């Protein structure tokens, strides 16, 4: 049974995320310098524009047409061209390394550390994004790989409100947003003191 995610805070967009693991991964790609719920609504917009999202389809999609699909209006992301290119690069990697099946990244991993390592190896991903997606898999998609919480770092903490992995409704979205604002404020204050 597919999970019932509420990351986009929109029933239709959340249904796309809940039914298509690649759409969920694409949402994570888009969750950068953009409001969380809008990033995770992006795969639904893409689905409307190009049809069902598969790694093979996006990997082979005409570059200019994919950029146009990201550009809209409305735009899928504030940086549509670079995000289209990043999503296409990731889909090409999924086709080459996982025969187009994104779920193999976590279903065939040896343990939580391996899930993190595989995610971190995706083009344009870094430690934080890989930790957050590992936490999302564990907290909301039932990932049972040993050590996933440790691999996710603080994002794997039970009851935390640090990232999209913790968003299950409007209240938790607001709590995660408050946490992020507090982190930015603290970083700014520390920079001012330095």
N, C-alpha and C. Protein backbone atom coordinates (compact mmCIF):
# COMPACT_ATOMS: atom_id res chain seq x y z
N UNK A 1 0.83 -1.18 0.00
CA UNK A 1 0.00 0.00 0.00
C UNK A 1 0.88 1.25 0.00
N UNK A 2 0.58 2.19 -0.87
CA UNK A 2 1.36 3.42 -0.98
C UNK A 2 1.11 4.31 0.23
N UNK A 3 2.12 5.05 0.66
CA UNK A 3 1.93 5.98 1.77
C UNK A 3 1.02 7.13 1.34
N UNK A 4 0.41 7.79 2.30
CA UNK A 4 -0.39 8.98 2.00
C UNK A 4 0.39 10.20 2.50
N UNK A 5 1.22 10.72 1.64
CA UNK A 5 2.07 11.85 1.99
C UNK A 5 1.27 13.16 1.94
N UNK A 6 1.73 14.14 2.71
CA UNK A 6 1.09 15.47 2.73
C UNK A 6 2.15 16.55 2.62
N UNK A 7 3.18 16.30 1.86
CA UNK A 7 4.32 17.21 1.77
C UNK A 7 4.01 18.49 1.01
N UNK A 8 3.19 18.38 -0.03
CA UNK A 8 2.85 19.55 -0.85
C UNK A 8 1.67 20.32 -0.27
N UNK A 9 0.97 19.71 0.67
CA UNK A 9 -0.22 20.32 1.27
C UNK A 9 -1.30 20.58 0.23
N UNK A 10 -1.32 19.75 -0.80
CA UNK A 10 -2.32 19.82 -1.86
C UNK A 10 -2.67 18.37 -2.22
N UNK A 11 -3.93 17.97 -2.10
CA UNK A 11 -4.28 16.56 -2.28
C UNK A 11 -3.83 15.95 -3.61
N UNK A 12 -3.99 16.67 -4.71
CA UNK A 12 -3.59 16.11 -6.00
C UNK A 12 -2.08 15.98 -6.13
N UNK A 13 -1.36 17.01 -5.69
CA UNK A 13 0.11 16.95 -5.75
C UNK A 13 0.64 15.87 -4.81
N UNK A 14 0.04 15.75 -3.63
CA UNK A 14 0.47 14.73 -2.68
C UNK A 14 0.17 13.32 -3.18
N UNK A 15 -0.90 13.18 -3.96
CA UNK A 15 -1.22 11.87 -4.53
C UNK A 15 -0.12 11.45 -5.52
N UNK A 16 0.36 12.39 -6.32
CA UNK A 16 1.45 12.09 -7.25
C UNK A 16 2.68 11.62 -6.48
N UNK A 17 3.02 12.32 -5.40
CA UNK A 17 4.18 11.94 -4.58
C UNK A 17 3.97 10.57 -3.94
N UNK A 18 2.76 10.32 -3.48
CA UNK A 18 2.46 9.06 -2.79
C UNK A 18 2.49 7.85 -3.73
N UNK A 19 2.14 8.07 -5.00
CA UNK A 19 2.04 6.97 -5.96
C UNK A 19 3.32 6.74 -6.77
N UNK A 20 4.17 7.75 -6.87
CA UNK A 20 5.34 7.66 -7.76
C UNK A 20 6.62 8.00 -7.00
N UNK A 21 7.43 7.00 -6.66
CA UNK A 21 8.66 7.26 -5.91
C UNK A 21 9.63 8.20 -6.63
N UNK A 22 9.64 8.17 -7.98
CA UNK A 22 10.50 9.09 -8.70
C UNK A 22 10.02 10.52 -8.50
N UNK A 23 8.71 10.74 -8.50
CA UNK A 23 8.16 12.07 -8.26
C UNK A 23 8.60 12.58 -6.89
N UNK A 24 8.60 11.70 -5.91
CA UNK A 24 9.04 12.07 -4.56
C UNK A 24 10.51 12.49 -4.57
N UNK A 25 11.33 11.73 -5.26
CA UNK A 25 12.75 12.07 -5.36
C UNK A 25 12.93 13.40 -6.08
N UNK A 26 12.16 13.64 -7.13
CA UNK A 26 12.24 14.91 -7.86
C UNK A 26 11.83 16.06 -6.94
N UNK A 27 10.80 15.86 -6.13
CA UNK A 27 10.41 16.88 -5.16
C UNK A 27 11.56 17.23 -4.25
N UNK A 28 12.33 16.22 -3.84
CA UNK A 28 13.49 16.47 -2.98
C UNK A 28 14.55 17.27 -3.72
N UNK A 29 14.72 16.98 -4.99
CA UNK A 29 15.68 17.75 -5.80
C UNK A 29 15.26 19.22 -5.82
N UNK A 30 13.97 19.46 -5.99
CA UNK A 30 13.46 20.83 -6.10
C UNK A 30 13.44 21.57 -4.77
N UNK A 31 13.58 20.85 -3.67
CA UNK A 31 13.53 21.46 -2.34
C UNK A 31 14.87 22.13 -2.04
N UNK A 32 15.07 23.24 -2.73
CA UNK A 32 16.31 24.01 -2.59
C UNK A 32 16.03 25.44 -3.01
N UNK A 33 16.23 26.37 -2.09
CA UNK A 33 16.00 27.79 -2.35
C UNK A 33 14.59 28.04 -2.89
N UNK A 34 13.64 27.33 -2.28
CA UNK A 34 12.26 27.37 -2.75
C UNK A 34 11.39 26.86 -1.61
N UNK A 35 10.17 27.39 -1.43
CA UNK A 35 9.33 26.89 -0.34
C UNK A 35 9.10 25.37 -0.46
N UNK A 36 9.19 24.69 0.67
CA UNK A 36 9.10 23.22 0.69
C UNK A 36 7.87 22.69 -0.03
N UNK A 37 6.71 23.20 0.35
CA UNK A 37 5.49 22.64 -0.23
C UNK A 37 5.39 22.92 -1.72
N UNK A 38 5.93 24.02 -2.19
CA UNK A 38 5.92 24.31 -3.63
C UNK A 38 6.89 23.39 -4.36
N UNK A 39 8.02 23.10 -3.73
CA UNK A 39 8.98 22.17 -4.33
C UNK A 39 8.34 20.80 -4.53
N UNK A 40 7.62 20.33 -3.51
CA UNK A 40 7.02 19.01 -3.60
C UNK A 40 5.74 19.00 -4.42
N UNK A 41 5.21 20.17 -4.76
CA UNK A 41 4.09 20.24 -5.70
C UNK A 41 4.60 20.21 -7.15
N UNK A 42 5.89 20.47 -7.34
CA UNK A 42 6.48 20.51 -8.68
C UNK A 42 6.28 19.25 -9.51
N UNK A 43 6.46 18.05 -8.93
CA UNK A 43 6.25 16.84 -9.74
C UNK A 43 4.84 16.72 -10.31
N UNK A 44 3.83 17.22 -9.61
CA UNK A 44 2.47 17.18 -10.15
C UNK A 44 2.36 18.09 -11.37
N UNK A 45 2.99 19.27 -11.30
CA UNK A 45 3.00 20.16 -12.47
C UNK A 45 3.68 19.49 -13.65
N UNK A 46 4.82 18.85 -13.38
CA UNK A 46 5.54 18.15 -14.45
C UNK A 46 4.69 17.03 -15.04
N UNK A 47 3.98 16.31 -14.19
CA UNK A 47 3.13 15.22 -14.66
C UNK A 47 2.05 15.76 -15.60
N UNK A 48 1.46 16.90 -15.25
CA UNK A 48 0.46 17.53 -16.12
C UNK A 48 1.05 17.89 -17.47
N UNK A 49 2.31 18.30 -17.49
CA UNK A 49 2.92 18.82 -18.71
C UNK A 49 3.54 17.76 -19.60
N UNK A 50 4.11 16.70 -19.00
CA UNK A 50 4.80 15.71 -19.83
C UNK A 50 4.24 14.31 -19.68
N UNK A 51 3.27 14.12 -18.80
CA UNK A 51 2.72 12.78 -18.57
C UNK A 51 3.43 12.10 -17.41
N UNK A 52 3.17 10.80 -17.26
CA UNK A 52 3.74 10.06 -16.14
C UNK A 52 5.25 10.23 -16.09
N UNK A 53 5.77 10.45 -14.88
CA UNK A 53 7.20 10.65 -14.71
C UNK A 53 7.90 9.31 -14.54
N UNK A 54 8.78 9.01 -15.49
CA UNK A 54 9.66 7.84 -15.37
C UNK A 54 11.07 8.30 -15.63
N UNK A 55 12.02 7.58 -15.06
CA UNK A 55 13.42 7.95 -15.25
C UNK A 55 13.81 7.88 -16.72
N UNK A 56 13.34 6.85 -17.42
CA UNK A 56 13.68 6.70 -18.83
C UNK A 56 13.16 7.86 -19.66
N UNK A 57 11.89 8.22 -19.42
CA UNK A 57 11.29 9.31 -20.18
C UNK A 57 12.05 10.62 -19.98
N UNK A 58 12.34 10.96 -18.74
CA UNK A 58 13.02 12.23 -18.45
C UNK A 58 14.46 12.19 -18.93
N UNK A 59 15.12 11.05 -18.80
CA UNK A 59 16.51 10.92 -19.26
C UNK A 59 16.63 11.19 -20.75
N UNK A 60 15.62 10.75 -21.52
CA UNK A 60 15.66 10.88 -22.98
C UNK A 60 14.94 12.13 -23.50
N UNK A 61 14.30 12.87 -22.61
CA UNK A 61 13.48 14.00 -23.03
C UNK A 61 14.33 15.07 -23.71
N UNK A 62 13.80 15.70 -24.72
CA UNK A 62 14.50 16.79 -25.39
C UNK A 62 14.81 17.89 -24.37
N UNK A 63 16.06 18.31 -24.32
CA UNK A 63 16.51 19.29 -23.33
C UNK A 63 15.66 20.56 -23.33
N UNK A 64 15.49 21.16 -24.50
CA UNK A 64 14.75 22.42 -24.57
C UNK A 64 13.28 22.25 -24.19
N UNK A 65 12.69 21.12 -24.57
CA UNK A 65 11.30 20.87 -24.20
C UNK A 65 11.15 20.63 -22.70
N UNK A 66 12.14 19.99 -22.09
CA UNK A 66 12.09 19.76 -20.65
C UNK A 66 12.24 21.10 -19.91
N UNK A 67 13.15 21.94 -20.38
CA UNK A 67 13.29 23.28 -19.77
C UNK A 67 11.99 24.05 -19.91
N UNK A 68 11.33 23.96 -21.07
CA UNK A 68 10.04 24.64 -21.27
C UNK A 68 8.99 24.11 -20.30
N UNK A 69 8.99 22.79 -20.06
CA UNK A 69 8.03 22.21 -19.11
C UNK A 69 8.29 22.73 -17.70
N UNK A 70 9.53 22.93 -17.35
CA UNK A 70 9.88 23.46 -16.03
C UNK A 70 9.58 24.95 -15.93
N UNK A 71 9.64 25.65 -17.07
CA UNK A 71 9.47 27.10 -17.07
C UNK A 71 8.01 27.51 -16.92
N UNK A 72 7.11 26.72 -17.48
CA UNK A 72 5.68 27.01 -17.32
C UNK A 72 5.20 28.09 -18.26
N UNK A 73 4.25 28.91 -17.85
CA UNK A 73 3.87 29.23 -16.46
C UNK A 73 2.84 28.27 -15.89
N UNK A 74 2.78 28.17 -14.57
CA UNK A 74 3.78 28.70 -13.64
C UNK A 74 5.04 27.86 -13.66
N UNK A 75 6.13 28.45 -13.23
CA UNK A 75 7.41 27.75 -13.18
C UNK A 75 7.36 26.66 -12.11
N UNK A 76 8.03 25.56 -12.39
CA UNK A 76 8.12 24.46 -11.43
C UNK A 76 9.06 24.85 -10.27
N UNK A 77 10.01 25.73 -10.56
CA UNK A 77 11.00 26.16 -9.57
C UNK A 77 11.48 27.55 -9.96
N UNK A 78 12.03 28.26 -9.02
CA UNK A 78 12.52 29.61 -9.33
C UNK A 78 13.71 29.59 -10.29
N UNK A 79 14.40 28.44 -10.38
CA UNK A 79 15.50 28.27 -11.33
C UNK A 79 15.15 27.11 -12.28
N UNK A 80 14.20 27.34 -13.19
CA UNK A 80 13.68 26.22 -13.99
C UNK A 80 14.72 25.53 -14.87
N UNK A 81 15.60 26.28 -15.50
CA UNK A 81 16.58 25.67 -16.41
C UNK A 81 17.55 24.77 -15.65
N UNK A 82 18.14 25.29 -14.59
CA UNK A 82 19.11 24.48 -13.85
C UNK A 82 18.46 23.28 -13.18
N UNK A 83 17.21 23.44 -12.72
CA UNK A 83 16.54 22.31 -12.09
C UNK A 83 16.13 21.27 -13.12
N UNK A 84 15.73 21.69 -14.30
CA UNK A 84 15.43 20.73 -15.37
C UNK A 84 16.67 19.91 -15.69
N UNK A 85 17.80 20.59 -15.79
CA UNK A 85 19.06 19.90 -16.10
C UNK A 85 19.46 18.95 -14.98
N UNK A 86 19.27 19.38 -13.73
CA UNK A 86 19.63 18.53 -12.59
C UNK A 86 18.73 17.29 -12.54
N UNK A 87 17.43 17.48 -12.74
CA UNK A 87 16.50 16.35 -12.71
C UNK A 87 16.84 15.38 -13.85
N UNK A 88 17.15 15.91 -15.02
CA UNK A 88 17.49 15.04 -16.14
C UNK A 88 18.78 14.25 -15.86
N UNK A 89 19.77 14.90 -15.26
CA UNK A 89 21.02 14.22 -14.92
C UNK A 89 20.78 13.10 -13.91
N UNK A 90 19.94 13.36 -12.93
CA UNK A 90 19.62 12.34 -11.93
C UNK A 90 18.89 11.18 -12.58
N UNK A 91 17.94 11.48 -13.46
CA UNK A 91 17.21 10.41 -14.14
C UNK A 91 18.14 9.58 -15.02
N UNK A 92 19.10 10.20 -15.64
CA UNK A 92 20.08 9.43 -16.44
C UNK A 92 20.89 8.50 -15.54
N UNK A 93 21.26 8.99 -14.36
CA UNK A 93 21.99 8.15 -13.41
C UNK A 93 21.12 6.99 -12.94
N UNK A 94 19.85 7.23 -12.69
CA UNK A 94 18.94 6.17 -12.26
C UNK A 94 18.79 5.11 -13.36
N UNK A 95 18.73 5.56 -14.61
CA UNK A 95 18.64 4.62 -15.73
C UNK A 95 19.92 3.79 -15.81
N UNK A 96 21.07 4.46 -15.74
CA UNK A 96 22.36 3.77 -15.89
C UNK A 96 22.67 2.85 -14.71
N UNK A 97 22.44 3.33 -13.49
CA UNK A 97 22.87 2.58 -12.31
C UNK A 97 21.81 1.67 -11.71
N UNK A 98 20.53 1.98 -11.96
CA UNK A 98 19.45 1.23 -11.32
C UNK A 98 18.39 0.76 -12.32
N UNK A 99 18.76 0.66 -13.60
CA UNK A 99 17.86 0.20 -14.66
C UNK A 99 16.54 0.96 -14.67
N UNK A 100 16.57 2.24 -14.28
CA UNK A 100 15.39 3.09 -14.32
C UNK A 100 14.48 2.98 -13.11
N UNK A 101 14.80 2.10 -12.16
CA UNK A 101 13.95 1.89 -10.99
C UNK A 101 14.53 2.62 -9.78
N UNK A 102 13.99 3.80 -9.50
CA UNK A 102 14.51 4.63 -8.41
C UNK A 102 14.45 3.91 -7.07
N UNK A 103 13.46 3.04 -6.86
CA UNK A 103 13.32 2.37 -5.56
C UNK A 103 14.50 1.45 -5.25
N UNK A 104 15.22 1.03 -6.28
CA UNK A 104 16.39 0.17 -6.05
C UNK A 104 17.45 0.89 -5.24
N UNK A 105 17.43 2.22 -5.25
CA UNK A 105 18.41 2.97 -4.44
C UNK A 105 18.28 2.55 -2.98
N UNK A 106 17.05 2.38 -2.49
CA UNK A 106 16.89 2.02 -1.08
C UNK A 106 16.48 0.57 -0.85
N UNK A 107 15.81 -0.07 -1.81
CA UNK A 107 15.37 -1.45 -1.55
C UNK A 107 16.52 -2.44 -1.68
N UNK A 108 17.55 -2.10 -2.43
CA UNK A 108 18.68 -3.01 -2.61
C UNK A 108 19.89 -2.60 -1.79
N UNK A 109 19.74 -1.58 -0.97
CA UNK A 109 20.86 -1.11 -0.14
C UNK A 109 21.12 -2.09 1.00
N UNK A 110 22.37 -2.22 1.39
CA UNK A 110 22.76 -3.14 2.45
C UNK A 110 22.22 -2.70 3.81
N UNK A 111 22.20 -1.38 4.05
CA UNK A 111 21.75 -0.84 5.33
C UNK A 111 21.52 0.65 5.16
N UNK A 112 21.19 1.33 6.25
CA UNK A 112 20.91 2.76 6.20
C UNK A 112 22.07 3.58 5.68
N UNK A 113 23.27 3.21 6.07
CA UNK A 113 24.46 3.93 5.60
C UNK A 113 24.59 3.81 4.08
N UNK A 114 24.25 2.62 3.55
CA UNK A 114 24.31 2.40 2.11
C UNK A 114 23.23 3.21 1.39
N UNK A 115 22.03 3.31 1.97
CA UNK A 115 20.98 4.16 1.39
C UNK A 115 21.51 5.58 1.27
N UNK A 116 22.05 6.09 2.38
CA UNK A 116 22.60 7.45 2.38
C UNK A 116 23.70 7.59 1.32
N UNK A 117 24.60 6.63 1.25
CA UNK A 117 25.71 6.69 0.30
C UNK A 117 25.21 6.74 -1.15
N UNK A 118 24.20 5.93 -1.46
CA UNK A 118 23.64 5.89 -2.81
C UNK A 118 22.96 7.22 -3.16
N UNK A 119 22.20 7.76 -2.20
CA UNK A 119 21.55 9.06 -2.43
C UNK A 119 22.58 10.16 -2.59
N UNK A 120 23.60 10.14 -1.74
CA UNK A 120 24.63 11.18 -1.77
C UNK A 120 25.43 11.16 -3.07
N UNK A 121 25.42 10.02 -3.75
CA UNK A 121 26.15 9.90 -5.03
C UNK A 121 25.36 10.46 -6.21
N UNK A 122 24.07 10.79 -6.01
CA UNK A 122 23.27 11.35 -7.11
C UNK A 122 23.81 12.73 -7.50
N UNK A 123 23.77 13.08 -8.78
CA UNK A 123 24.27 14.38 -9.22
C UNK A 123 23.57 15.53 -8.50
N UNK A 124 24.36 16.43 -7.94
CA UNK A 124 23.83 17.63 -7.29
C UNK A 124 23.37 17.42 -5.86
N UNK A 125 23.48 16.20 -5.35
CA UNK A 125 23.08 15.93 -3.97
C UNK A 125 24.29 16.08 -3.07
N UNK A 126 24.03 16.52 -1.86
CA UNK A 126 25.07 16.61 -0.85
C UNK A 126 24.62 15.87 0.40
N UNK A 127 25.43 15.99 1.43
CA UNK A 127 25.17 15.29 2.68
C UNK A 127 23.79 15.60 3.24
N UNK A 128 23.44 16.89 3.33
CA UNK A 128 22.17 17.27 3.95
C UNK A 128 20.98 16.70 3.18
N UNK A 129 20.97 16.85 1.88
CA UNK A 129 19.85 16.36 1.07
C UNK A 129 19.73 14.84 1.19
N UNK A 130 20.85 14.14 1.17
CA UNK A 130 20.83 12.68 1.30
C UNK A 130 20.35 12.26 2.70
N UNK A 131 20.75 12.99 3.73
CA UNK A 131 20.28 12.68 5.08
C UNK A 131 18.77 12.91 5.21
N UNK A 132 18.31 14.04 4.67
CA UNK A 132 16.88 14.35 4.77
C UNK A 132 16.05 13.31 4.03
N UNK A 133 16.47 12.90 2.83
CA UNK A 133 15.68 11.92 2.09
C UNK A 133 15.74 10.56 2.77
N UNK A 134 16.87 10.21 3.35
CA UNK A 134 16.95 8.97 4.13
C UNK A 134 15.96 9.02 5.28
N UNK A 135 15.89 10.17 5.98
CA UNK A 135 14.93 10.34 7.07
C UNK A 135 13.49 10.25 6.56
N UNK A 136 13.23 10.84 5.41
CA UNK A 136 11.88 10.79 4.83
C UNK A 136 11.49 9.33 4.53
N UNK A 137 12.41 8.59 3.97
CA UNK A 137 12.14 7.18 3.67
C UNK A 137 11.84 6.41 4.96
N UNK A 138 12.61 6.67 6.00
CA UNK A 138 12.42 5.96 7.25
C UNK A 138 11.18 6.38 8.01
N UNK A 139 10.94 7.67 8.07
CA UNK A 139 9.83 8.18 8.87
C UNK A 139 8.47 8.02 8.20
N UNK A 140 8.43 8.13 6.87
CA UNK A 140 7.12 8.15 6.21
C UNK A 140 6.89 7.04 5.18
N UNK A 141 7.95 6.35 4.76
CA UNK A 141 7.77 5.30 3.76
C UNK A 141 8.13 3.91 4.26
N UNK A 142 8.39 3.80 5.55
CA UNK A 142 8.61 2.48 6.13
C UNK A 142 9.95 1.84 5.83
N UNK A 143 10.96 2.61 5.50
CA UNK A 143 12.30 2.05 5.27
C UNK A 143 12.73 1.31 6.53
N UNK A 144 13.13 0.06 6.37
CA UNK A 144 13.52 -0.75 7.51
C UNK A 144 15.01 -1.05 7.53
N UNK A 145 15.78 -0.41 6.67
CA UNK A 145 17.22 -0.67 6.62
C UNK A 145 17.87 -0.35 7.97
N UNK A 146 18.66 -1.29 8.46
CA UNK A 146 19.34 -1.08 9.74
C UNK A 146 20.17 0.20 9.69
N UNK A 147 20.07 0.99 10.75
CA UNK A 147 20.90 2.17 10.89
C UNK A 147 20.45 3.38 10.08
N UNK A 148 19.21 3.39 9.58
CA UNK A 148 18.80 4.53 8.77
C UNK A 148 18.76 5.81 9.59
N UNK A 149 18.35 5.72 10.86
CA UNK A 149 18.29 6.93 11.69
C UNK A 149 19.69 7.54 11.88
N UNK A 150 20.66 6.69 12.13
CA UNK A 150 22.04 7.18 12.29
C UNK A 150 22.54 7.79 10.98
N UNK A 151 22.23 7.13 9.86
CA UNK A 151 22.66 7.64 8.55
C UNK A 151 22.01 8.98 8.24
N UNK A 152 20.80 9.19 8.76
CA UNK A 152 20.08 10.45 8.52
C UNK A 152 20.54 11.57 9.44
N UNK A 153 21.43 11.29 10.37
CA UNK A 153 21.91 12.32 11.30
C UNK A 153 20.76 12.84 12.15
N UNK A 154 20.80 14.11 12.49
CA UNK A 154 19.75 14.72 13.32
C UNK A 154 18.38 14.68 12.65
N UNK A 155 18.35 14.56 11.33
CA UNK A 155 17.07 14.50 10.61
C UNK A 155 16.31 13.21 10.92
N UNK A 156 17.01 12.20 11.40
CA UNK A 156 16.38 10.94 11.76
C UNK A 156 15.84 10.89 13.17
N UNK A 157 16.11 11.93 13.95
CA UNK A 157 15.67 11.95 15.35
C UNK A 157 14.16 11.82 15.46
N UNK A 158 13.73 10.97 16.37
CA UNK A 158 12.30 10.78 16.65
C UNK A 158 11.71 12.09 17.14
N UNK A 159 10.57 12.50 16.58
CA UNK A 159 9.87 13.69 17.04
C UNK A 159 10.49 15.02 16.64
N UNK A 160 11.54 14.99 15.81
CA UNK A 160 12.17 16.25 15.40
C UNK A 160 11.28 17.00 14.42
N UNK A 161 11.55 18.27 14.26
CA UNK A 161 10.84 19.11 13.29
C UNK A 161 11.89 19.92 12.52
N UNK A 162 12.78 19.20 11.82
CA UNK A 162 13.91 19.81 11.15
C UNK A 162 13.77 19.94 9.64
N UNK A 163 12.94 19.07 9.03
CA UNK A 163 12.94 18.99 7.56
C UNK A 163 11.61 18.47 7.03
N UNK A 164 11.55 18.37 5.73
CA UNK A 164 10.35 17.85 5.05
C UNK A 164 10.04 16.43 5.51
N UNK A 165 11.03 15.72 6.01
CA UNK A 165 10.81 14.36 6.52
C UNK A 165 9.83 14.34 7.68
N UNK A 166 9.67 15.47 8.36
CA UNK A 166 8.82 15.58 9.53
C UNK A 166 7.45 16.17 9.24
N UNK A 167 7.19 16.53 7.99
CA UNK A 167 5.92 17.18 7.63
C UNK A 167 4.84 16.14 7.37
N UNK A 168 3.82 16.16 8.24
CA UNK A 168 2.69 15.24 8.07
C UNK A 168 1.36 15.99 8.02
N UNK A 169 1.39 17.31 8.25
CA UNK A 169 0.18 18.14 8.21
C UNK A 169 0.61 19.62 8.24
N UNK A 170 -0.37 20.51 8.28
CA UNK A 170 -0.05 21.94 8.27
C UNK A 170 0.69 22.37 9.53
N UNK A 171 0.37 21.77 10.67
CA UNK A 171 1.03 22.12 11.93
C UNK A 171 2.51 21.78 11.88
N UNK A 172 2.83 20.57 11.44
CA UNK A 172 4.24 20.18 11.39
C UNK A 172 4.99 20.96 10.31
N UNK A 173 4.31 21.33 9.24
CA UNK A 173 4.95 22.19 8.23
C UNK A 173 5.34 23.52 8.87
N UNK A 174 4.45 24.10 9.65
CA UNK A 174 4.75 25.38 10.32
C UNK A 174 5.89 25.19 11.33
N UNK A 175 5.93 24.07 12.03
CA UNK A 175 6.99 23.82 13.01
C UNK A 175 8.34 23.67 12.31
N UNK A 176 8.36 22.97 11.19
CA UNK A 176 9.61 22.83 10.43
C UNK A 176 10.06 24.20 9.91
N UNK A 177 9.12 24.98 9.40
CA UNK A 177 9.45 26.31 8.90
C UNK A 177 10.02 27.18 10.03
N UNK A 178 9.41 27.12 11.22
CA UNK A 178 9.91 27.88 12.38
C UNK A 178 11.32 27.45 12.74
N UNK A 179 11.58 26.14 12.72
CA UNK A 179 12.92 25.62 13.02
C UNK A 179 13.94 26.17 12.03
N UNK A 180 13.59 26.14 10.75
CA UNK A 180 14.51 26.62 9.73
C UNK A 180 14.79 28.12 9.89
N UNK A 181 13.76 28.89 10.20
CA UNK A 181 13.94 30.33 10.40
C UNK A 181 14.85 30.59 11.60
N UNK A 182 14.67 29.83 12.67
CA UNK A 182 15.52 29.98 13.86
C UNK A 182 16.97 29.64 13.52
N UNK A 183 17.18 28.60 12.71
CA UNK A 183 18.54 28.22 12.29
C UNK A 183 19.20 29.34 11.48
N UNK A 184 18.43 29.92 10.55
CA UNK A 184 18.97 31.02 9.73
C UNK A 184 19.31 32.22 10.59
N UNK A 185 18.45 32.53 11.54
CA UNK A 185 18.66 33.66 12.42
C UNK A 185 19.91 33.45 13.28
N UNK A 186 20.08 32.25 13.81
CA UNK A 186 21.26 31.94 14.62
C UNK A 186 22.54 32.00 13.78
N UNK A 187 22.47 31.51 12.56
CA UNK A 187 23.65 31.55 11.68
C UNK A 187 24.01 32.99 11.34
N UNK A 188 23.00 33.81 11.11
CA UNK A 188 23.24 35.21 10.80
C UNK A 188 23.86 35.93 11.99
N UNK A 189 23.36 35.64 13.19
CA UNK A 189 23.90 36.26 14.40
C UNK A 189 25.34 35.82 14.64
N UNK A 190 25.63 34.55 14.41
CA UNK A 190 26.99 34.05 14.60
C UNK A 190 27.94 34.68 13.60
N UNK A 191 27.47 34.89 12.38
CA UNK A 191 28.29 35.51 11.35
C UNK A 191 28.58 36.98 11.71
N UNK A 192 27.59 37.65 12.26
CA UNK A 192 27.75 39.06 12.66
C UNK A 192 28.75 39.20 13.78
N UNK A 193 28.81 38.20 14.68
CA UNK A 193 29.74 38.24 15.81
C UNK A 193 31.16 37.91 15.39
N UNK A 194 31.31 37.19 14.29
CA UNK A 194 32.65 36.75 13.86
C UNK A 194 33.49 37.88 13.30
